[in-house]
Amino acid sequence: MKKAILLVTSALLFSVSAQAEIKDCDELKDEIQTKIENNGVEDFDVIVVENDEVNDHEGFKVVGSCEGGSHKVLYKNNYKA
């Protein structure tokens, strides 16, 4: 019984640590740009900023978080209708 509890606890801790992996900002930015391009968007900007700079970028939307939540990935579609 103790071995089963230890095994389950270890499995849960391992899965939590895997989910809490810190994502590199450049890697995430590249993934997001690729997804946007694959959706047919041609004129857009994707930038990475520190959390306290998010409100300094008018017209941008937060589309991701990286470096353990200390940075945000912002997106802006530049299409003019």
PDB file of N, CA and C in Angstrom:
ATOM      1  N   MET A   1       0.835  -1.200   0.000  1.00  0.00           N
ATOM      2  CA  MET A   1       0.000   0.000   0.000  1.00  0.00           C
ATOM      3  C   MET A   1       0.869   1.248   0.000  1.00  0.00           C
ATOM      4  N   LYS A   2       1.908   1.257   0.849  1.00  0.00           N
ATOM      5  CA  LYS A   2       2.788   2.434   0.906  1.00  0.00           C
ATOM      6  C   LYS A   2       3.507   2.635  -0.420  1.00  0.00           C
ATOM      7  N   LYS A   3       3.875   1.526  -1.069  1.00  0.00           N
ATOM      8  CA  LYS A   3       4.552   1.629  -2.358  1.00  0.00           C
ATOM      9  C   LYS A   3       3.613   2.229  -3.414  1.00  0.00           C
ATOM     10  N   ALA A   4       2.352   1.862  -3.365  1.00  0.00           N
ATOM     11  CA  ALA A   4       1.379   2.392  -4.323  1.00  0.00           C
ATOM     12  C   ALA A   4       1.186   3.889  -4.119  1.00  0.00           C
ATOM     13  N   ILE A   5       1.094   4.300  -2.875  1.00  0.00           N
ATOM     14  CA  ILE A   5       0.933   5.730  -2.583  1.00  0.00           C
ATOM     15  C   ILE A   5       2.175   6.502  -3.026  1.00  0.00           C
ATOM     16  N   LEU A   6       3.348   5.943  -2.768  1.00  0.00           N
ATOM     17  CA  LEU A   6       4.596   6.590  -3.181  1.00  0.00           C
ATOM     18  C   LEU A   6       4.670   6.691  -4.700  1.00  0.00           C
ATOM     19  N   LEU A   7       4.266   5.639  -5.384  1.00  0.00           N
ATOM     20  CA  LEU A   7       4.287   5.636  -6.846  1.00  0.00           C
ATOM     21  C   LEU A   7       3.344   6.688  -7.423  1.00  0.00           C
ATOM     22  N   VAL A   8       2.123   6.767  -6.900  1.00  0.00           N
ATOM     23  CA  VAL A   8       1.145   7.752  -7.372  1.00  0.00           C
ATOM     24  C   VAL A   8       1.629   9.170  -7.087  1.00  0.00           C
ATOM     25  N   THR A   9       2.158   9.381  -5.893  1.00  0.00           N
ATOM     26  CA  THR A   9       2.673  10.708  -5.530  1.00  0.00           C
ATOM     27  C   THR A   9       3.819  11.111  -6.447  1.00  0.00           C
ATOM     28  N   SER A  10       4.732  10.197  -6.712  1.00  0.00           N
ATOM     29  CA  SER A  10       5.862  10.491  -7.603  1.00  0.00           C
ATOM     30  C   SER A  10       5.377  10.826  -9.007  1.00  0.00           C
ATOM     31  N   ALA A  11       4.401  10.077  -9.487  1.00  0.00           N
ATOM     32  CA  ALA A  11       3.863  10.332 -10.827  1.00  0.00           C
ATOM     33  C   ALA A  11       3.215  11.710 -10.908  1.00  0.00           C
ATOM     34  N   LEU A  12       2.474  12.083  -9.877  1.00  0.00           N
ATOM     35  CA  LEU A  12       1.832  13.406  -9.862  1.00  0.00           C
ATOM     36  C   LEU A  12       2.866  14.520  -9.821  1.00  0.00           C
ATOM     37  N   LEU A  13       3.888  14.371  -9.003  1.00  0.00           N
ATOM     38  CA  LEU A  13       4.928  15.398  -8.926  1.00  0.00           C
ATOM     39  C   LEU A  13       5.662  15.528 -10.248  1.00  0.00           C
ATOM     40  N   PHE A  14       5.920  14.413 -10.902  1.00  0.00           N
ATOM     41  CA  PHE A  14       6.592  14.455 -12.193  1.00  0.00           C
ATOM     42  C   PHE A  14       5.738  15.170 -13.229  1.00  0.00           C
ATOM     43  N   SER A  15       4.436  14.884 -13.257  1.00  0.00           N
ATOM     44  CA  SER A  15       3.565  15.517 -14.248  1.00  0.00           C
ATOM     45  C   SER A  15       3.421  17.014 -13.995  1.00  0.00           C
ATOM     46  N   VAL A  16       3.381  17.433 -12.734  1.00  0.00           N
ATOM     47  CA  VAL A  16       3.299  18.861 -12.405  1.00  0.00           C
ATOM     48  C   VAL A  16       4.576  19.569 -12.827  1.00  0.00           C
ATOM     49  N   SER A  17       5.731  18.971 -12.575  1.00  0.00           N
ATOM     50  CA  SER A  17       6.986  19.618 -12.951  1.00  0.00           C
ATOM     51  C   SER A  17       7.121  19.700 -14.462  1.00  0.00           C
ATOM     52  N   ALA A  18       6.592  18.723 -15.188  1.00  0.00           N
ATOM     53  CA  ALA A  18       6.646  18.774 -16.642  1.00  0.00           C
ATOM     54  C   ALA A  18       5.761  19.892 -17.181  1.00  0.00           C
ATOM     55  N   GLN A  19       4.613  20.131 -16.543  1.00  0.00           N
ATOM     56  CA  GLN A  19       3.717  21.198 -16.985  1.00  0.00           C
ATOM     57  C   GLN A  19       4.282  22.567 -16.650  1.00  0.00           C
ATOM     58  N   ALA A  20       5.096  22.662 -15.618  1.00  0.00           N
ATOM     59  CA  ALA A  20       5.628  23.939 -15.179  1.00  0.00           C
ATOM     60  C   ALA A  20       6.929  24.288 -15.899  1.00  0.00           C
ATOM     61  N   GLU A  21       7.204  23.608 -16.999  1.00  0.00           N
ATOM     62  CA  GLU A  21       8.410  23.865 -17.759  1.00  0.00           C
ATOM     63  C   GLU A  21       8.440  25.315 -18.213  1.00  0.00           C
ATOM     64  N   ILE A  22       9.563  25.941 -18.056  1.00  0.00           N
ATOM     65  CA  ILE A  22       9.703  27.341 -18.455  1.00  0.00           C
ATOM     66  C   ILE A  22       9.967  27.397 -19.957  1.00  0.00           C
ATOM     67  N   LYS A  23       9.090  28.078 -20.668  1.00  0.00           N
ATOM     68  CA  LYS A  23       9.178  28.178 -22.120  1.00  0.00           C
ATOM     69  C   LYS A  23      10.089  29.347 -22.500  1.00  0.00           C
ATOM     70  N   ASP A  24      11.008  29.112 -23.411  1.00  0.00           N
ATOM     71  CA  ASP A  24      11.891  30.153 -23.929  1.00  0.00           C
ATOM     72  C   ASP A  24      11.083  31.112 -24.807  1.00  0.00           C
ATOM     73  N   CYS A  25      11.294  32.408 -24.621  1.00  0.00           N
ATOM     74  CA  CYS A  25      10.494  33.418 -25.340  1.00  0.00           C
ATOM     75  C   CYS A  25      10.703  33.366 -26.854  1.00  0.00           C
ATOM     76  N   ASP A  26      11.931  33.203 -27.295  1.00  0.00           N
ATOM     77  CA  ASP A  26      12.180  33.159 -28.734  1.00  0.00           C
ATOM     78  C   ASP A  26      11.522  31.936 -29.368  1.00  0.00           C
ATOM     79  N   GLU A  27      11.571  30.813 -28.670  1.00  0.00           N
ATOM     80  CA  GLU A  27      10.948  29.591 -29.165  1.00  0.00           C
ATOM     81  C   GLU A  27       9.431  29.758 -29.267  1.00  0.00           C
ATOM     82  N   LEU A  28       8.824  30.312 -28.234  1.00  0.00           N
ATOM     83  CA  LEU A  28       7.377  30.531 -28.245  1.00  0.00           C
ATOM     84  C   LEU A  28       6.979  31.541 -29.315  1.00  0.00           C
ATOM     85  N   LYS A  29       7.757  32.601 -29.443  1.00  0.00           N
ATOM     86  CA  LYS A  29       7.465  33.624 -30.462  1.00  0.00           C
ATOM     87  C   LYS A  29       7.484  32.993 -31.853  1.00  0.00           C
ATOM     88  N   ASP A  30       8.481  32.147 -32.132  1.00  0.00           N
ATOM     89  CA  ASP A  30       8.562  31.482 -33.432  1.00  0.00           C
ATOM     90  C   ASP A  30       7.359  30.569 -33.668  1.00  0.00           C
ATOM     91  N   GLU A  31       6.938  29.833 -32.624  1.00  0.00           N
ATOM     92  CA  GLU A  31       5.777  28.952 -32.748  1.00  0.00           C
ATOM     93  C   GLU A  31       4.518  29.755 -33.063  1.00  0.00           C
ATOM     94  N   ILE A  32       4.346  30.872 -32.383  1.00  0.00           N
ATOM     95  CA  ILE A  32       3.156  31.705 -32.589  1.00  0.00           C
ATOM     96  C   ILE A  32       3.172  32.317 -33.990  1.00  0.00           C
ATOM     97  N   GLN A  33       4.330  32.811 -34.434  1.00  0.00           N
ATOM     98  CA  GLN A  33       4.423  33.387 -35.782  1.00  0.00           C
ATOM     99  C   GLN A  33       4.071  32.348 -36.843  1.00  0.00           C
ATOM    100  N   THR A  34       4.549  31.134 -36.658  1.00  0.00           N
ATOM    101  CA  THR A  34       4.261  30.068 -37.618  1.00  0.00           C
ATOM    102  C   THR A  34       2.765  29.773 -37.674  1.00  0.00           C
ATOM    103  N   LYS A  35       2.116  29.708 -36.512  1.00  0.00           N
ATOM    104  CA  LYS A  35       0.673  29.454 -36.481  1.00  0.00           C
ATOM    105  C   LYS A  35      -0.103  30.568 -37.176  1.00  0.00           C
ATOM    106  N   ILE A  36       0.296  31.814 -36.946  1.00  0.00           N
ATOM    107  CA  ILE A  36      -0.389  32.949 -37.575  1.00  0.00           C
ATOM    108  C   ILE A  36      -0.216  32.900 -39.087  1.00  0.00           C
ATOM    109  N   GLU A  37       1.014  32.644 -39.541  1.00  0.00           N
ATOM    110  CA  GLU A  37       1.277  32.552 -40.976  1.00  0.00           C
ATOM    111  C   GLU A  37       0.487  31.413 -41.607  1.00  0.00           C
ATOM    112  N   ASN A  38       0.396  30.278 -40.891  1.00  0.00           N
ATOM    113  CA  ASN A  38      -0.359  29.127 -41.413  1.00  0.00           C
ATOM    114  C   ASN A  38      -1.847  29.415 -41.514  1.00  0.00           C
ATOM    115  N   ASN A  39      -2.338  30.431 -40.797  1.00  0.00           N
ATOM    116  CA  ASN A  39      -3.733  30.849 -40.880  1.00  0.00           C
ATOM    117  C   ASN A  39      -3.955  31.897 -41.958  1.00  0.00           C
ATOM    118  N   GLY A  40      -2.919  32.211 -42.729  1.00  0.00           N
ATOM    119  CA  GLY A  40      -3.058  33.102 -43.865  1.00  0.00           C
ATOM    120  C   GLY A  40      -2.859  34.575 -43.569  1.00  0.00           C
ATOM    121  N   VAL A  41      -2.477  34.916 -42.367  1.00  0.00           N
ATOM    122  CA  VAL A  41      -2.238  36.320 -42.031  1.00  0.00           C
ATOM    123  C   VAL A  41      -0.873  36.713 -42.581  1.00  0.00           C
ATOM    124  N   GLU A  42      -0.818  37.837 -43.303  1.00  0.00           N
ATOM    125  CA  GLU A  42       0.424  38.240 -43.953  1.00  0.00           C
ATOM    126  C   GLU A  42       1.105  39.433 -43.294  1.00  0.00           C
ATOM    127  N   ASP A  43       0.348  40.374 -42.800  1.00  0.00           N
ATOM    128  CA  ASP A  43       0.928  41.603 -42.245  1.00  0.00           C
ATOM    129  C   ASP A  43       0.614  41.694 -40.761  1.00  0.00           C
ATOM    130  N   PHE A  44       1.576  41.302 -39.943  1.00  0.00           N
ATOM    131  CA  PHE A  44       1.367  41.285 -38.500  1.00  0.00           C
ATOM    132  C   PHE A  44       2.703  41.470 -37.782  1.00  0.00           C
ATOM    133  N   ASP A  45       2.601  41.780 -36.501  1.00  0.00           N
ATOM    134  CA  ASP A  45       3.777  41.890 -35.646  1.00  0.00           C
ATOM    135  C   ASP A  45       3.603  40.981 -34.442  1.00  0.00           C
ATOM    136  N   VAL A  46       4.668  40.321 -34.050  1.00  0.00           N
ATOM    137  CA  VAL A  46       4.713  39.545 -32.818  1.00  0.00           C
ATOM    138  C   VAL A  46       5.951  40.011 -32.068  1.00  0.00           C
ATOM    139  N   ILE A  47       5.746  40.471 -30.835  1.00  0.00           N
ATOM    140  CA  ILE A  47       6.862  40.956 -30.029  1.00  0.00           C
ATOM    141  C   ILE A  47       6.799  40.337 -28.632  1.00  0.00           C
ATOM    142  N   VAL A  48       7.944  40.352 -27.963  1.00  0.00           N
ATOM    143  CA  VAL A  48       8.034  39.872 -26.581  1.00  0.00           C
ATOM    144  C   VAL A  48       8.402  41.054 -25.704  1.00  0.00           C
ATOM    145  N   VAL A  49       7.643  41.237 -24.618  1.00  0.00           N
ATOM    146  CA  VAL A  49       7.905  42.335 -23.689  1.00  0.00           C
ATOM    147  C   VAL A  49       7.817  41.819 -22.257  1.00  0.00           C
ATOM    148  N   GLU A  50       8.414  42.576 -21.355  1.00  0.00           N
ATOM    149  CA  GLU A  50       8.270  42.255 -19.942  1.00  0.00           C
ATOM    150  C   GLU A  50       6.847  42.588 -19.511  1.00  0.00           C
ATOM    151  N   ASN A  51       6.383  41.938 -18.456  1.00  0.00           N
ATOM    152  CA  ASN A  51       4.998  42.115 -18.008  1.00  0.00           C
ATOM    153  C   ASN A  51       4.615  43.573 -17.794  1.00  0.00           C
ATOM    154  N   ASP A  52       5.512  44.369 -17.235  1.00  0.00           N
ATOM    155  CA  ASP A  52       5.161  45.759 -16.928  1.00  0.00           C
ATOM    156  C   ASP A  52       5.125  46.655 -18.164  1.00  0.00           C
ATOM    157  N   GLU A  53       5.470  46.125 -19.340  1.00  0.00           N
ATOM    158  CA  GLU A  53       5.456  46.910 -20.577  1.00  0.00           C
ATOM    159  C   GLU A  53       4.255  46.594 -21.468  1.00  0.00           C
ATOM    160  N   VAL A  54       3.405  45.668 -21.046  1.00  0.00           N
ATOM    161  CA  VAL A  54       2.284  45.227 -21.889  1.00  0.00           C
ATOM    162  C   VAL A  54       1.383  46.392 -22.262  1.00  0.00           C
ATOM    163  N   ASN A  55       1.043  47.240 -21.325  1.00  0.00           N
ATOM    164  CA  ASN A  55       0.114  48.352 -21.589  1.00  0.00           C
ATOM    165  C   ASN A  55       0.732  49.459 -22.426  1.00  0.00           C
ATOM    166  N   ASP A  56       2.043  49.412 -22.670  1.00  0.00           N
ATOM    167  CA  ASP A  56       2.708  50.422 -23.489  1.00  0.00           C
ATOM    168  C   ASP A  56       2.549  50.153 -24.988  1.00  0.00           C
ATOM    169  N   HIS A  57       1.911  49.062 -25.354  1.00  0.00           N
ATOM    170  CA  HIS A  57       1.812  48.658 -26.759  1.00  0.00           C
ATOM    171  C   HIS A  57       0.352  48.613 -27.188  1.00  0.00           C
ATOM    172  N   GLU A  58      -0.135  49.777 -27.589  1.00  0.00           N
ATOM    173  CA  GLU A  58      -1.539  49.930 -27.991  1.00  0.00           C
ATOM    174  C   GLU A  58      -1.836  49.108 -29.237  1.00  0.00           C
ATOM    175  N   GLY A  59      -2.959  48.439 -29.238  1.00  0.00           N
ATOM    176  CA  GLY A  59      -3.386  47.652 -30.381  1.00  0.00           C
ATOM    177  C   GLY A  59      -2.881  46.215 -30.378  1.00  0.00           C
ATOM    178  N   PHE A  60      -2.021  45.879 -29.458  1.00  0.00           N
ATOM    179  CA  PHE A  60      -1.488  44.521 -29.371  1.00  0.00           C
ATOM    180  C   PHE A  60      -2.330  43.695 -28.408  1.00  0.00           C
ATOM    181  N   LYS A  61      -2.404  42.384 -28.667  1.00  0.00           N
ATOM    182  CA  LYS A  61      -3.100  41.444 -27.790  1.00  0.00           C
ATOM    183  C   LYS A  61      -2.068  40.488 -27.196  1.00  0.00           C
ATOM    184  N   VAL A  62      -2.251  40.125 -25.936  1.00  0.00           N
ATOM    185  CA  VAL A  62      -1.395  39.120 -25.312  1.00  0.00           C
ATOM    186  C   VAL A  62      -1.815  37.754 -25.849  1.00  0.00           C
ATOM    187  N   VAL A  63      -0.853  37.026 -26.430  1.00  0.00           N
ATOM    188  CA  VAL A  63      -1.155  35.715 -27.001  1.00  0.00           C
ATOM    189  C   VAL A  63      -0.307  34.605 -26.388  1.00  0.00           C
ATOM    190  N   GLY A  64       0.547  34.968 -25.428  1.00  0.00           N
ATOM    191  CA  GLY A  64       1.369  33.948 -24.796  1.00  0.00           C
ATOM    192  C   GLY A  64       2.152  34.508 -23.639  1.00  0.00           C
ATOM    193  N   SER A  65       2.705  33.588 -22.857  1.00  0.00           N
ATOM    194  CA  SER A  65       3.511  33.939 -21.698  1.00  0.00           C
ATOM    195  C   SER A  65       4.745  33.040 -21.708  1.00  0.00           C
ATOM    196  N   CYS A  66       5.901  33.594 -21.338  1.00  0.00           N
ATOM    197  CA  CYS A  66       7.134  32.816 -21.379  1.00  0.00           C
ATOM    198  C   CYS A  66       8.069  33.224 -20.247  1.00  0.00           C
ATOM    199  N   GLU A  67       9.215  32.544 -20.197  1.00  0.00           N
ATOM    200  CA  GLU A  67      10.205  32.793 -19.149  1.00  0.00           C
ATOM    201  C   GLU A  67       9.581  32.726 -17.763  1.00  0.00           C
ATOM    202  N   GLY A  68       8.768  31.701 -17.555  1.00  0.00           N
ATOM    203  CA  GLY A  68       8.149  31.506 -16.247  1.00  0.00           C
ATOM    204  C   GLY A  68       7.107  32.554 -15.898  1.00  0.00           C
ATOM    205  N   GLY A  69       6.515  33.184 -16.914  1.00  0.00           N
ATOM    206  CA  GLY A  69       5.476  34.182 -16.678  1.00  0.00           C
ATOM    207  C   GLY A  69       5.991  35.599 -16.533  1.00  0.00           C
ATOM    208  N   SER A  70       7.286  35.809 -16.681  1.00  0.00           N
ATOM    209  CA  SER A  70       7.848  37.153 -16.514  1.00  0.00           C
ATOM    210  C   SER A  70       7.745  37.997 -17.783  1.00  0.00           C
ATOM    211  N   HIS A  71       7.461  37.370 -18.910  1.00  0.00           N
ATOM    212  CA  HIS A  71       7.330  38.066 -20.189  1.00  0.00           C
ATOM    213  C   HIS A  71       6.034  37.646 -20.869  1.00  0.00           C
ATOM    214  N   LYS A  72       5.549  38.527 -21.746  1.00  0.00           N
ATOM    215  CA  LYS A  72       4.349  38.245 -22.532  1.00  0.00           C
ATOM    216  C   LYS A  72       4.696  38.358 -24.016  1.00  0.00           C
ATOM    217  N   VAL A  73       4.027  37.529 -24.808  1.00  0.00           N
ATOM    218  CA  VAL A  73       4.145  37.602 -26.263  1.00  0.00           C
ATOM    219  C   VAL A  73       2.909  38.353 -26.746  1.00  0.00           C
ATOM    220  N   LEU A  74       3.131  39.410 -27.523  1.00  0.00           N
ATOM    221  CA  LEU A  74       2.050  40.260 -28.008  1.00  0.00           C
ATOM    222  C   LEU A  74       1.910  40.127 -29.521  1.00  0.00           C
ATOM    223  N   TYR A  75       0.671  40.233 -29.993  1.00  0.00           N
ATOM    224  CA  TYR A  75       0.358  40.112 -31.417  1.00  0.00           C
ATOM    225  C   TYR A  75      -0.471  41.303 -31.865  1.00  0.00           C
ATOM    226  N   LYS A  76      -0.164  41.775 -33.081  1.00  0.00           N
ATOM    227  CA  LYS A  76      -0.965  42.835 -33.684  1.00  0.00           C
ATOM    228  C   LYS A  76      -1.111  42.551 -35.179  1.00  0.00           C
ATOM    229  N   ASN A  77      -2.358  42.537 -35.651  1.00  0.00           N
ATOM    230  CA  ASN A  77      -2.635  42.374 -37.060  1.00  0.00           C
ATOM    231  C   ASN A  77      -2.613  43.753 -37.690  1.00  0.00           C
ATOM    232  N   ASN A  78      -1.773  43.938 -38.717  1.00  0.00           N
ATOM    233  CA  ASN A  78      -1.611  45.240 -39.355  1.00  0.00           C
ATOM    234  C   ASN A  78      -2.457  45.417 -40.608  1.00  0.00           C
ATOM    235  N   TYR A  79      -3.360  44.471 -40.887  1.00  0.00           N
ATOM    236  CA  TYR A  79      -4.197  44.532 -42.086  1.00  0.00           C
ATOM    237  C   TYR A  79      -5.096  45.761 -42.045  1.00  0.00           C
ATOM    238  N   LYS A  80      -5.107  46.500 -43.123  1.00  0.00           N
ATOM    239  CA  LYS A  80      -5.973  47.681 -43.241  1.00  0.00           C
ATOM    240  C   LYS A  80      -7.038  47.383 -44.283  1.00  0.00           C
ATOM    241  N   ALA A  81      -8.272  47.391 -43.863  1.00  0.00           N
ATOM    242  CA  ALA A  81      -9.377  47.090 -44.793  1.00  0.00           C
ATOM    243  C   ALA A  81      -9.727  48.274 -45.647  1.00  0.00           C
TER     244      ALA A  81
END
